[in-house]
Amino acid sequence: SGDGTLALVTLELARTSIDGIRGRVEVDPGAIEMTGVEASMLGAHFSAQGGIRFDGSAELPYTLQLDSSFEGLDLGRVFRTVTPDESPTLDGIYDVHTTASGTGRNPADLGLGTLGEMRVSGRDGVFRGLAGQYTLVRRGTKVLGFLTFSKQLKAVSRLLGELEALEFDNFDLVLARETPRRFAISELTVVSPLARVEGEGGVEVEPGVPLVESPLAATLDMATQGDMTVLFDGLGLLQEGTDEHGYRPLTRPVAVGGTVAEPDTSEFYEMLDEAARDSKGFLGVGMRKVNKKLQKGRAATTQ
């Protein structure tokens, strides 16, 4: 038994490094405790505390408890580190807090039985969870109206571009590890001047596969404000009246698949395409009226 101070210059990982690791470790026959652990990764400050305890009389003698946090983590850099050829699903600076606990028959078994929660919060960033253009083109999905926006309906095209890279005021996400291979999305809230997105679902993870490359299955409830209301109301996709936050909800939820790094939003854009066809087509009278209204609104705000 005893205690000591941990100090490492750099720990090299597969795609990045953890720098300036330091903290205090206490060891006795029944426990290993870490306190005051600090480090730096991708420019963010990391801190952690926790430990492993052993009780030889218990059926599962090993117990893990760990709390860790990142302050000021650039999640865009994290996504680019894992998937450098894709635009990151999240851009901006975030705080990430993780709690983990579990029991096991031996130290190696702890990882399989560990459950916990991850909370992610940020301000003034970019959410690309509804991005669709490049995924649709790669998958060969025929969404004629969407692909012709840029030439025929510039105001609508501009607005959908803003939806694909939604600049938000606030972002909150809670991932709960329900089983060793499943993270439930128990809370997702994105608040933007144009739209409010709330969601739930899950991420299935495999050993050795980064979380951002893992399969995603989510259902998003979206509500609009401002110019986005003009567009979706013109498509006939909005409920009557506003919610408690002052946004107008869509008539149906949005299903998102794919992976965390590359969400598949084809169902959402197929919904837009179908609604546009019902509104006399993207190149018809209905959508031209919407486009003209958006242009007038933008001109008024710039005067």
C-alpha atoms as a PDB file:
ATOM      1  CA  SER A   1       0.000   0.000   0.000  1.00  0.00           C
ATOM      2  CA  GLY A   2       1.018   3.612  -0.377  1.00  0.00           C
ATOM      3  CA  ASP A   3       0.454   6.718  -2.432  1.00  0.00           C
ATOM      4  CA  GLY A   4       2.295   8.735  -5.014  1.00  0.00           C
ATOM      5  CA  THR A   5       2.082  11.394  -7.672  1.00  0.00           C
ATOM      6  CA  LEU A   6       1.523  10.508 -11.312  1.00  0.00           C
ATOM      7  CA  ALA A   7       3.278  12.692 -13.899  1.00  0.00           C
ATOM      8  CA  LEU A   8       3.589  11.877 -17.606  1.00  0.00           C
ATOM      9  CA  VAL A   9       4.649  14.218 -20.374  1.00  0.00           C
ATOM     10  CA  THR A  10       2.585  12.665 -23.210  1.00  0.00           C
ATOM     11  CA  LEU A  11       0.481   9.574 -23.812  1.00  0.00           C
ATOM     12  CA  GLU A  12       0.283   8.758 -27.523  1.00  0.00           C
ATOM     13  CA  LEU A  13      -3.035   7.351 -28.759  1.00  0.00           C
ATOM     14  CA  ALA A  14      -3.988   5.960 -32.175  1.00  0.00           C
ATOM     15  CA  ARG A  15      -5.231   9.282 -33.586  1.00  0.00           C
ATOM     16  CA  THR A  16      -4.192  11.924 -31.039  1.00  0.00           C
ATOM     17  CA  SER A  17      -2.290  12.367 -27.776  1.00  0.00           C
ATOM     18  CA  ILE A  18      -2.964  13.267 -24.146  1.00  0.00           C
ATOM     19  CA  ASP A  19      -0.452  15.759 -22.781  1.00  0.00           C
ATOM     20  CA  GLY A  20       0.652  16.895 -19.345  1.00  0.00           C
ATOM     21  CA  ILE A  21      -0.936  14.033 -17.396  1.00  0.00           C
ATOM     22  CA  ARG A  22      -0.658  14.463 -13.639  1.00  0.00           C
ATOM     23  CA  GLY A  23      -2.548  13.417 -10.521  1.00  0.00           C
ATOM     24  CA  ARG A  24      -2.385  11.494  -7.278  1.00  0.00           C
ATOM     25  CA  VAL A  25      -2.733   7.717  -6.894  1.00  0.00           C
ATOM     26  CA  GLU A  26      -3.364   5.909  -3.597  1.00  0.00           C
ATOM     27  CA  VAL A  27      -2.991   2.125  -3.435  1.00  0.00           C
ATOM     28  CA  ASP A  28      -3.942  -0.274  -0.640  1.00  0.00           C
ATOM     29  CA  PRO A  29      -4.916  -3.974  -0.622  1.00  0.00           C
ATOM     30  CA  GLY A  30      -8.599  -3.161  -1.210  1.00  0.00           C
ATOM     31  CA  ALA A  31      -8.541  -0.163  -3.543  1.00  0.00           C
ATOM     32  CA  ILE A  32      -6.778   1.988  -6.094  1.00  0.00           C
ATOM     33  CA  GLU A  33      -7.914   5.610  -5.895  1.00  0.00           C
ATOM     34  CA  MET A  34      -7.068   8.438  -8.297  1.00  0.00           C
ATOM     35  CA  THR A  35      -7.621  12.074  -7.366  1.00  0.00           C
ATOM     36  CA  GLY A  36      -6.766  15.374  -8.985  1.00  0.00           C
ATOM     37  CA  VAL A  37      -6.045  13.804 -12.384  1.00  0.00           C
ATOM     38  CA  GLU A  38      -5.545  16.522 -15.024  1.00  0.00           C
ATOM     39  CA  ALA A  39      -4.338  16.576 -18.612  1.00  0.00           C
ATOM     40  CA  SER A  40      -4.764  18.299 -21.968  1.00  0.00           C
ATOM     41  CA  MET A  41      -6.187  16.797 -25.177  1.00  0.00           C
ATOM     42  CA  LEU A  42      -6.945  18.632 -28.440  1.00  0.00           C
ATOM     43  CA  GLY A  43      -6.599  21.890 -26.545  1.00  0.00           C
ATOM     44  CA  ALA A  44      -9.196  20.959 -23.908  1.00  0.00           C
ATOM     45  CA  HIS A  45      -8.651  20.633 -20.174  1.00  0.00           C
ATOM     46  CA  PHE A  46      -9.324  17.120 -18.868  1.00  0.00           C
ATOM     47  CA  SER A  47      -9.940  16.201 -15.233  1.00  0.00           C
ATOM     48  CA  ALA A  48     -10.899  12.937 -13.547  1.00  0.00           C
ATOM     49  CA  GLN A  49     -11.239  11.166 -10.250  1.00  0.00           C
ATOM     50  CA  GLY A  50     -12.289   7.671  -9.242  1.00  0.00           C
ATOM     51  CA  GLY A  51     -10.937   4.252  -8.571  1.00  0.00           C
ATOM     52  CA  ILE A  52     -11.296   0.493  -8.357  1.00  0.00           C
ATOM     53  CA  ARG A  53     -12.219  -1.294  -5.141  1.00  0.00           C
ATOM     54  CA  PHE A  54     -11.916  -4.977  -4.280  1.00  0.00           C
ATOM     55  CA  ASP A  55     -14.135  -6.971  -1.904  1.00  0.00           C
ATOM     56  CA  GLY A  56     -13.174 -10.637  -1.877  1.00  0.00           C
ATOM     57  CA  SER A  57     -16.458 -11.650  -0.215  1.00  0.00           C
ATOM     58  CA  ALA A  58     -18.651 -10.280  -3.040  1.00  0.00           C
ATOM     59  CA  GLU A  59     -19.840 -12.344  -6.017  1.00  0.00           C
ATOM     60  CA  LEU A  60     -18.478  -9.605  -8.290  1.00  0.00           C
ATOM     61  CA  PRO A  61     -15.526  -8.428  -6.213  1.00  0.00           C
ATOM     62  CA  TYR A  62     -14.288  -5.557  -8.385  1.00  0.00           C
ATOM     63  CA  THR A  63     -16.118  -2.213  -8.429  1.00  0.00           C
ATOM     64  CA  LEU A  64     -15.316   0.767 -10.662  1.00  0.00           C
ATOM     65  CA  GLN A  65     -16.391   4.396 -10.121  1.00  0.00           C
ATOM     66  CA  LEU A  66     -15.104   7.159 -12.399  1.00  0.00           C
ATOM     67  CA  ASP A  67     -16.028  10.796 -13.043  1.00  0.00           C
ATOM     68  CA  SER A  68     -14.293  12.724 -15.817  1.00  0.00           C
ATOM     69  CA  SER A  69     -14.761  16.011 -17.640  1.00  0.00           C
ATOM     70  CA  PHE A  70     -13.502  17.899 -20.660  1.00  0.00           C
ATOM     71  CA  GLU A  71     -13.755  21.676 -20.584  1.00  0.00           C
ATOM     72  CA  GLY A  72     -13.502  23.532 -23.876  1.00  0.00           C
ATOM     73  CA  LEU A  73     -13.340  20.464 -26.137  1.00  0.00           C
ATOM     74  CA  ASP A  74     -13.384  21.207 -29.872  1.00  0.00           C
ATOM     75  CA  LEU A  75     -15.666  18.408 -31.079  1.00  0.00           C
ATOM     76  CA  GLY A  76     -15.097  19.405 -34.698  1.00  0.00           C
ATOM     77  CA  ARG A  77     -11.446  18.405 -34.230  1.00  0.00           C
ATOM     78  CA  VAL A  78     -12.538  15.131 -32.638  1.00  0.00           C
ATOM     79  CA  PHE A  79     -14.756  14.263 -35.613  1.00  0.00           C
ATOM     80  CA  ARG A  80     -12.055  15.271 -38.118  1.00  0.00           C
ATOM     81  CA  THR A  81      -9.504  13.144 -36.294  1.00  0.00           C
ATOM     82  CA  VAL A  82     -11.662  10.042 -36.810  1.00  0.00           C
ATOM     83  CA  THR A  83     -13.336  10.892 -40.156  1.00  0.00           C
ATOM     84  CA  PRO A  84     -11.143  13.524 -41.861  1.00  0.00           C
ATOM     85  CA  ASP A  85     -13.027  13.381 -45.188  1.00  0.00           C
ATOM     86  CA  GLU A  86     -16.429  14.281 -43.693  1.00  0.00           C
ATOM     87  CA  SER A  87     -17.794  17.597 -42.440  1.00  0.00           C
ATOM     88  CA  PRO A  88     -18.157  17.142 -38.662  1.00  0.00           C
ATOM     89  CA  THR A  89     -21.643  16.549 -37.323  1.00  0.00           C
ATOM     90  CA  LEU A  90     -20.817  19.040 -34.560  1.00  0.00           C
ATOM     91  CA  ASP A  91     -18.548  22.061 -34.751  1.00  0.00           C
ATOM     92  CA  GLY A  92     -17.702  24.321 -31.843  1.00  0.00           C
ATOM     93  CA  ILE A  93     -16.460  24.211 -28.261  1.00  0.00           C
ATOM     94  CA  TYR A  94     -18.213  21.936 -25.758  1.00  0.00           C
ATOM     95  CA  ASP A  95     -18.056  20.752 -22.179  1.00  0.00           C
ATOM     96  CA  VAL A  96     -18.283  16.976 -21.751  1.00  0.00           C
ATOM     97  CA  HIS A  97     -18.950  15.252 -18.432  1.00  0.00           C
ATOM     98  CA  THR A  98     -18.885  11.462 -18.061  1.00  0.00           C
ATOM     99  CA  THR A  99     -19.790   9.221 -15.150  1.00  0.00           C
ATOM    100  CA  ALA A 100     -19.107   5.492 -15.186  1.00  0.00           C
ATOM    101  CA  SER A 101     -19.644   2.683 -12.698  1.00  0.00           C
ATOM    102  CA  GLY A 102     -19.635  -1.071 -12.844  1.00  0.00           C
ATOM    103  CA  THR A 103     -18.766  -4.388 -11.243  1.00  0.00           C
ATOM    104  CA  GLY A 104     -16.864  -7.417 -12.474  1.00  0.00           C
ATOM    105  CA  ARG A 105     -15.285 -10.723 -11.580  1.00  0.00           C
ATOM    106  CA  ASN A 106     -11.849  -9.372 -12.480  1.00  0.00           C
ATOM    107  CA  PRO A 107     -10.369  -6.053 -13.702  1.00  0.00           C
ATOM    108  CA  ALA A 108     -10.735  -7.033 -17.359  1.00  0.00           C
ATOM    109  CA  ASP A 109     -14.409  -7.840 -16.777  1.00  0.00           C
ATOM    110  CA  LEU A 110     -15.090  -4.329 -15.496  1.00  0.00           C
ATOM    111  CA  GLY A 111     -15.148  -2.812 -18.972  1.00  0.00           C
ATOM    112  CA  LEU A 112     -17.928  -5.150 -20.108  1.00  0.00           C
ATOM    113  CA  GLY A 113     -20.130  -4.384 -17.103  1.00  0.00           C
ATOM    114  CA  THR A 114     -19.548  -0.646 -16.860  1.00  0.00           C
ATOM    115  CA  LEU A 115     -22.555   1.612 -17.421  1.00  0.00           C
ATOM    116  CA  GLY A 116     -22.802   5.370 -17.145  1.00  0.00           C
ATOM    117  CA  GLU A 117     -23.754   8.639 -18.708  1.00  0.00           C
ATOM    118  CA  MET A 118     -22.191  11.296 -20.927  1.00  0.00           C
ATOM    119  CA  ARG A 119     -23.436  14.885 -20.965  1.00  0.00           C
ATOM    120  CA  VAL A 120     -22.407  17.251 -23.762  1.00  0.00           C
ATOM    121  CA  SER A 121     -23.268  20.950 -23.766  1.00  0.00           C
ATOM    122  CA  GLY A 122     -22.189  23.816 -25.975  1.00  0.00           C
ATOM    123  CA  ARG A 123     -23.056  27.287 -27.199  1.00  0.00           C
ATOM    124  CA  ASP A 124     -22.698  29.104 -30.523  1.00  0.00           C
ATOM    125  CA  GLY A 125     -21.724  26.107 -32.643  1.00  0.00           C
ATOM    126  CA  VAL A 126     -22.861  24.264 -35.770  1.00  0.00           C
ATOM    127  CA  PHE A 127     -25.094  21.157 -35.931  1.00  0.00           C
ATOM    128  CA  ARG A 128     -25.011  19.068 -39.142  1.00  0.00           C
ATOM    129  CA  GLY A 129     -27.322  16.313 -37.983  1.00  0.00           C
ATOM    130  CA  LEU A 130     -29.794  17.286 -40.729  1.00  0.00           C
ATOM    131  CA  ALA A 131     -27.229  17.639 -43.509  1.00  0.00           C
ATOM    132  CA  GLY A 132     -28.356  15.792 -46.587  1.00  0.00           C
ATOM    133  CA  GLN A 133     -26.856  16.913 -49.880  1.00  0.00           C
ATOM    134  CA  TYR A 134     -23.703  14.844 -50.036  1.00  0.00           C
ATOM    135  CA  THR A 135     -25.209  11.742 -48.425  1.00  0.00           C
ATOM    136  CA  LEU A 136     -28.058  11.813 -50.937  1.00  0.00           C
ATOM    137  CA  VAL A 137     -25.776  12.222 -53.938  1.00  0.00           C
ATOM    138  CA  ARG A 138     -23.455   9.434 -52.775  1.00  0.00           C
ATOM    139  CA  ARG A 139     -26.344   7.043 -52.157  1.00  0.00           C
ATOM    140  CA  GLY A 140     -27.930   7.885 -55.504  1.00  0.00           C
ATOM    141  CA  THR A 141     -31.201   8.976 -53.923  1.00  0.00           C
ATOM    142  CA  LYS A 142     -33.371  10.777 -56.445  1.00  0.00           C
ATOM    143  CA  VAL A 143     -34.616  13.921 -54.773  1.00  0.00           C
ATOM    144  CA  LEU A 144     -35.186  16.040 -57.837  1.00  0.00           C
ATOM    145  CA  GLY A 145     -36.507  19.126 -56.093  1.00  0.00           C
ATOM    146  CA  PHE A 146     -33.600  19.284 -53.667  1.00  0.00           C
ATOM    147  CA  LEU A 147     -30.959  18.889 -56.357  1.00  0.00           C
ATOM    148  CA  THR A 148     -32.516  21.654 -58.481  1.00  0.00           C
ATOM    149  CA  PHE A 149     -32.811  24.215 -55.688  1.00  0.00           C
ATOM    150  CA  SER A 150     -29.613  26.040 -56.485  1.00  0.00           C
ATOM    151  CA  LYS A 151     -30.612  26.968 -60.042  1.00  0.00           C
ATOM    152  CA  GLN A 152     -34.319  27.666 -59.728  1.00  0.00           C
ATOM    153  CA  LEU A 153     -35.049  28.689 -56.157  1.00  0.00           C
ATOM    154  CA  LYS A 154     -32.079  30.502 -54.729  1.00  0.00           C
ATOM    155  CA  ALA A 155     -33.768  31.703 -51.536  1.00  0.00           C
ATOM    156  CA  VAL A 156     -35.029  28.202 -50.749  1.00  0.00           C
ATOM    157  CA  SER A 157     -31.602  26.767 -51.555  1.00  0.00           C
ATOM    158  CA  ARG A 158     -29.927  29.254 -49.224  1.00  0.00           C
ATOM    159  CA  LEU A 159     -32.313  28.383 -46.422  1.00  0.00           C
ATOM    160  CA  LEU A 160     -31.829  24.631 -46.777  1.00  0.00           C
ATOM    161  CA  GLY A 161     -28.084  25.248 -46.753  1.00  0.00           C
ATOM    162  CA  GLU A 162     -28.514  26.985 -43.403  1.00  0.00           C
ATOM    163  CA  LEU A 163     -30.521  24.005 -42.142  1.00  0.00           C
ATOM    164  CA  GLU A 164     -27.782  21.594 -43.238  1.00  0.00           C
ATOM    165  CA  ALA A 165     -25.237  23.570 -41.191  1.00  0.00           C
ATOM    166  CA  LEU A 166     -27.534  24.857 -38.452  1.00  0.00           C
ATOM    167  CA  GLU A 167     -25.899  27.570 -36.363  1.00  0.00           C
ATOM    168  CA  PHE A 168     -27.251  27.143 -32.854  1.00  0.00           C
ATOM    169  CA  ASP A 169     -27.354  29.138 -29.654  1.00  0.00           C
ATOM    170  CA  ASN A 170     -27.489  26.122 -27.326  1.00  0.00           C
ATOM    171  CA  PHE A 171     -26.798  22.397 -27.655  1.00  0.00           C
ATOM    172  CA  ASP A 172     -27.421  19.702 -25.048  1.00  0.00           C
ATOM    173  CA  LEU A 173     -26.982  15.943 -25.393  1.00  0.00           C
ATOM    174  CA  VAL A 174     -27.234  13.120 -22.864  1.00  0.00           C
ATOM    175  CA  LEU A 175     -25.994   9.637 -23.777  1.00  0.00           C
ATOM    176  CA  ALA A 176     -26.800   6.873 -21.309  1.00  0.00           C
ATOM    177  CA  ARG A 177     -24.870   3.618 -21.629  1.00  0.00           C
ATOM    178  CA  GLU A 178     -27.674   1.090 -21.158  1.00  0.00           C
ATOM    179  CA  THR A 179     -25.642  -1.985 -22.118  1.00  0.00           C
ATOM    180  CA  PRO A 180     -21.970  -2.483 -23.021  1.00  0.00           C
ATOM    181  CA  ARG A 181     -22.913  -2.045 -26.703  1.00  0.00           C
ATOM    182  CA  ARG A 182     -25.676   0.539 -26.620  1.00  0.00           C
ATOM    183  CA  PHE A 183     -25.761   4.241 -25.794  1.00  0.00           C
ATOM    184  CA  ALA A 184     -29.283   5.624 -25.539  1.00  0.00           C
ATOM    185  CA  ILE A 185     -29.865   9.207 -26.626  1.00  0.00           C
ATOM    186  CA  SER A 186     -32.009  10.182 -23.662  1.00  0.00           C
ATOM    187  CA  GLU A 187     -31.870  13.902 -24.417  1.00  0.00           C
ATOM    188  CA  LEU A 188     -30.975  15.947 -27.486  1.00  0.00           C
ATOM    189  CA  THR A 189     -31.851  19.625 -27.787  1.00  0.00           C
ATOM    190  CA  VAL A 190     -30.597  22.047 -30.432  1.00  0.00           C
ATOM    191  CA  VAL A 191     -31.846  25.636 -30.172  1.00  0.00           C
ATOM    192  CA  SER A 192     -31.355  27.950 -33.150  1.00  0.00           C
ATOM    193  CA  PRO A 193     -33.100  31.136 -34.285  1.00  0.00           C
ATOM    194  CA  LEU A 194     -34.396  29.148 -37.288  1.00  0.00           C
ATOM    195  CA  ALA A 195     -35.291  25.813 -35.727  1.00  0.00           C
ATOM    196  CA  ARG A 196     -35.520  23.866 -32.514  1.00  0.00           C
ATOM    197  CA  VAL A 197     -34.627  20.167 -32.671  1.00  0.00           C
ATOM    198  CA  GLU A 198     -35.331  17.625 -29.946  1.00  0.00           C
ATOM    199  CA  GLY A 199     -34.517  13.949 -30.303  1.00  0.00           C
ATOM    200  CA  GLU A 200     -34.086  10.514 -28.829  1.00  0.00           C
ATOM    201  CA  GLY A 201     -32.744   7.185 -30.042  1.00  0.00           C
ATOM    202  CA  GLY A 202     -29.562   5.220 -29.677  1.00  0.00           C
ATOM    203  CA  VAL A 203     -26.057   4.389 -30.889  1.00  0.00           C
ATOM    204  CA  GLU A 204     -24.894   0.782 -31.222  1.00  0.00           C
ATOM    205  CA  VAL A 205     -21.162   0.354 -30.623  1.00  0.00           C
ATOM    206  CA  GLU A 206     -18.811  -2.503 -31.447  1.00  0.00           C
ATOM    207  CA  PRO A 207     -15.503  -3.243 -29.699  1.00  0.00           C
ATOM    208  CA  GLY A 208     -12.701  -1.238 -31.256  1.00  0.00           C
ATOM    209  CA  VAL A 209     -15.020   1.019 -33.295  1.00  0.00           C
ATOM    210  CA  PRO A 210     -15.037   4.743 -32.365  1.00  0.00           C
ATOM    211  CA  LEU A 211     -18.365   6.100 -31.137  1.00  0.00           C
ATOM    212  CA  VAL A 212     -18.588   8.586 -34.018  1.00  0.00           C
ATOM    213  CA  GLU A 213     -18.367   5.748 -36.566  1.00  0.00           C
ATOM    214  CA  SER A 214     -21.055   3.664 -34.856  1.00  0.00           C
ATOM    215  CA  PRO A 215     -24.580   3.071 -36.250  1.00  0.00           C
ATOM    216  CA  LEU A 216     -27.136   5.720 -35.320  1.00  0.00           C
ATOM    217  CA  ALA A 217     -30.920   5.370 -35.065  1.00  0.00           C
ATOM    218  CA  ALA A 218     -32.675   8.545 -33.925  1.00  0.00           C
ATOM    219  CA  THR A 219     -36.032  10.255 -34.140  1.00  0.00           C
ATOM    220  CA  LEU A 220     -36.006  14.048 -34.241  1.00  0.00           C
ATOM    221  CA  ASP A 221     -38.884  16.405 -33.518  1.00  0.00           C
ATOM    222  CA  MET A 222     -38.303  19.682 -35.320  1.00  0.00           C
ATOM    223  CA  ALA A 223     -40.033  23.042 -34.968  1.00  0.00           C
ATOM    224  CA  THR A 224     -39.385  26.162 -37.020  1.00  0.00           C
ATOM    225  CA  GLN A 225     -39.207  29.912 -36.632  1.00  0.00           C
ATOM    226  CA  GLY A 226     -38.708  32.883 -38.952  1.00  0.00           C
ATOM    227  CA  ASP A 227     -37.800  32.109 -42.560  1.00  0.00           C
ATOM    228  CA  MET A 228     -37.796  28.382 -41.872  1.00  0.00           C
ATOM    229  CA  THR A 229     -41.483  28.662 -40.948  1.00  0.00           C
ATOM    230  CA  VAL A 230     -42.168  30.375 -44.277  1.00  0.00           C
ATOM    231  CA  LEU A 231     -40.585  27.468 -46.152  1.00  0.00           C
ATOM    232  CA  PHE A 232     -42.114  24.580 -44.204  1.00  0.00           C
ATOM    233  CA  ASP A 233     -45.514  26.246 -44.017  1.00  0.00           C
ATOM    234  CA  GLY A 234     -45.389  26.618 -47.808  1.00  0.00           C
ATOM    235  CA  LEU A 235     -44.696  22.880 -48.000  1.00  0.00           C
ATOM    236  CA  GLY A 236     -47.686  22.145 -45.772  1.00  0.00           C
ATOM    237  CA  LEU A 237     -45.502  20.422 -43.184  1.00  0.00           C
ATOM    238  CA  LEU A 238     -46.287  22.509 -40.092  1.00  0.00           C
ATOM    239  CA  GLN A 239     -48.881  22.141 -37.379  1.00  0.00           C
ATOM    240  CA  GLU A 240     -51.162  25.044 -36.580  1.00  0.00           C
ATOM    241  CA  GLY A 241     -49.969  27.320 -33.790  1.00  0.00           C
ATOM    242  CA  THR A 242     -46.697  27.510 -31.887  1.00  0.00           C
ATOM    243  CA  ASP A 243     -45.301  25.423 -29.058  1.00  0.00           C
ATOM    244  CA  GLU A 244     -44.320  26.699 -25.600  1.00  0.00           C
ATOM    245  CA  HIS A 245     -41.008  27.947 -27.023  1.00  0.00           C
ATOM    246  CA  GLY A 246     -42.586  30.006 -29.829  1.00  0.00           C
ATOM    247  CA  TYR A 247     -41.705  27.586 -32.650  1.00  0.00           C
ATOM    248  CA  ARG A 248     -44.117  25.836 -35.050  1.00  0.00           C
ATOM    249  CA  PRO A 249     -43.696  22.038 -34.945  1.00  0.00           C
ATOM    250  CA  LEU A 250     -43.545  19.820 -38.029  1.00  0.00           C
ATOM    251  CA  THR A 251     -46.486  17.524 -38.619  1.00  0.00           C
ATOM    252  CA  ARG A 252     -44.326  14.413 -38.268  1.00  0.00           C
ATOM    253  CA  PRO A 253     -40.986  13.405 -36.767  1.00  0.00           C
ATOM    254  CA  VAL A 254     -37.747  12.996 -38.727  1.00  0.00           C
ATOM    255  CA  ALA A 255     -35.992   9.613 -38.752  1.00  0.00           C
ATOM    256  CA  VAL A 256     -32.179   9.687 -38.967  1.00  0.00           C
ATOM    257  CA  GLY A 257     -29.960   6.656 -39.551  1.00  0.00           C
ATOM    258  CA  GLY A 258     -26.421   6.188 -40.822  1.00  0.00           C
ATOM    259  CA  THR A 259     -23.644   6.811 -38.313  1.00  0.00           C
ATOM    260  CA  VAL A 260     -22.880   9.578 -35.826  1.00  0.00           C
ATOM    261  CA  ALA A 261     -20.239  11.024 -38.177  1.00  0.00           C
ATOM    262  CA  GLU A 262     -22.377  10.622 -41.299  1.00  0.00           C
ATOM    263  CA  PRO A 263     -26.104  10.797 -40.524  1.00  0.00           C
ATOM    264  CA  ASP A 264     -28.458   9.426 -43.183  1.00  0.00           C
ATOM    265  CA  THR A 265     -31.244  12.000 -43.562  1.00  0.00           C
ATOM    266  CA  SER A 266     -32.607  10.726 -46.876  1.00  0.00           C
ATOM    267  CA  GLU A 267     -36.072  10.138 -45.385  1.00  0.00           C
ATOM    268  CA  PHE A 268     -36.252  13.803 -44.350  1.00  0.00           C
ATOM    269  CA  TYR A 269     -35.409  15.113 -47.828  1.00  0.00           C
ATOM    270  CA  GLU A 270     -37.727  12.610 -49.466  1.00  0.00           C
ATOM    271  CA  MET A 271     -40.454  14.090 -47.244  1.00  0.00           C
ATOM    272  CA  LEU A 272     -39.577  17.574 -48.525  1.00  0.00           C
ATOM    273  CA  ASP A 273     -39.617  16.349 -52.096  1.00  0.00           C
ATOM    274  CA  GLU A 274     -43.020  14.709 -51.670  1.00  0.00           C
ATOM    275  CA  ALA A 275     -44.454  17.832 -50.032  1.00  0.00           C
ATOM    276  CA  ALA A 276     -43.068  20.016 -52.822  1.00  0.00           C
ATOM    277  CA  ARG A 277     -44.676  17.829 -55.473  1.00  0.00           C
ATOM    278  CA  ASP A 278     -47.982  18.178 -53.623  1.00  0.00           C
ATOM    279  CA  SER A 279     -47.405  21.932 -53.733  1.00  0.00           C
ATOM    280  CA  LYS A 280     -47.306  21.892 -57.578  1.00  0.00           C
ATOM    281  CA  GLY A 281     -43.615  21.005 -57.669  1.00  0.00           C
ATOM    282  CA  PHE A 282     -40.478  22.889 -56.775  1.00  0.00           C
ATOM    283  CA  LEU A 283     -40.591  24.625 -60.101  1.00  0.00           C
ATOM    284  CA  GLY A 284     -44.322  25.309 -59.891  1.00  0.00           C
ATOM    285  CA  VAL A 285     -46.437  28.152 -58.614  1.00  0.00           C
ATOM    286  CA  GLY A 286     -46.503  27.084 -54.963  1.00  0.00           C
ATOM    287  CA  MET A 287     -42.754  26.991 -54.386  1.00  0.00           C
ATOM    288  CA  ARG A 288     -42.088  30.073 -56.484  1.00  0.00           C
ATOM    289  CA  LYS A 289     -44.400  31.982 -54.142  1.00  0.00           C
ATOM    290  CA  VAL A 290     -42.473  30.681 -51.136  1.00  0.00           C
ATOM    291  CA  ASN A 291     -39.174  31.616 -52.772  1.00  0.00           C
ATOM    292  CA  LYS A 292     -40.437  35.132 -53.524  1.00  0.00           C
ATOM    293  CA  LYS A 293     -41.647  35.583 -49.940  1.00  0.00           C
ATOM    294  CA  LEU A 294     -38.261  34.478 -48.595  1.00  0.00           C
ATOM    295  CA  GLN A 295     -36.476  36.906 -50.920  1.00  0.00           C
ATOM    296  CA  LYS A 296     -38.680  39.776 -49.743  1.00  0.00           C
ATOM    297  CA  GLY A 297     -38.060  38.852 -46.114  1.00  0.00           C
ATOM    298  CA  ARG A 298     -34.309  38.760 -46.574  1.00  0.00           C
ATOM    299  CA  ALA A 299     -34.352  42.104 -48.426  1.00  0.00           C
ATOM    300  CA  ALA A 300     -36.348  43.706 -45.617  1.00  0.00           C
ATOM    301  CA  THR A 301     -33.879  42.574 -42.944  1.00  0.00           C
ATOM    302  CA  THR A 302     -30.897  43.955 -44.866  1.00  0.00           C
ATOM    303  CA  GLN A 303     -32.361  47.438 -45.378  1.00  0.00           C
END
